[in-house]
Amino acid sequence: MGIRLPSVISSAMQNLKKQSFQGRKEYGVPKGHVAVYVGEFQWKRFIVPISYLNHPCFKDLLNRAEQEFGFNHPMGAITIPCKEDDFIDLTSRFLAL
């Protein structure tokens, strides 16, 4: 079983393109960012820069999300199955780079 990272990013980007600018604005997602839901049992919404999609660790999260939920999740955004604290710890490291 191989990791399909290019297809993960491609699928995520296609999903983002489907959202109109007006739709992003209505839901409080600024240009250059994406909404994701994170959690194991309860979901918390995070707004993250699109640049995170290119980070190898974030690609791993997207791969897990694709395997578990696909990209047509009823939450209306990409849903990432990991602990909220782990997600915060991981993304805070992106800022230090």
Foldseek 3Di string as FASTA:
>chain_A
DDQDLVVLLVQQVVLVVVQDPVNCVVVVADPQWFWEWEEAPDTDIDIGGPVLSPDPVVSVQSSQQCVVPNQPHPVSGRYGYDHPVVVVVVVVVVVVD
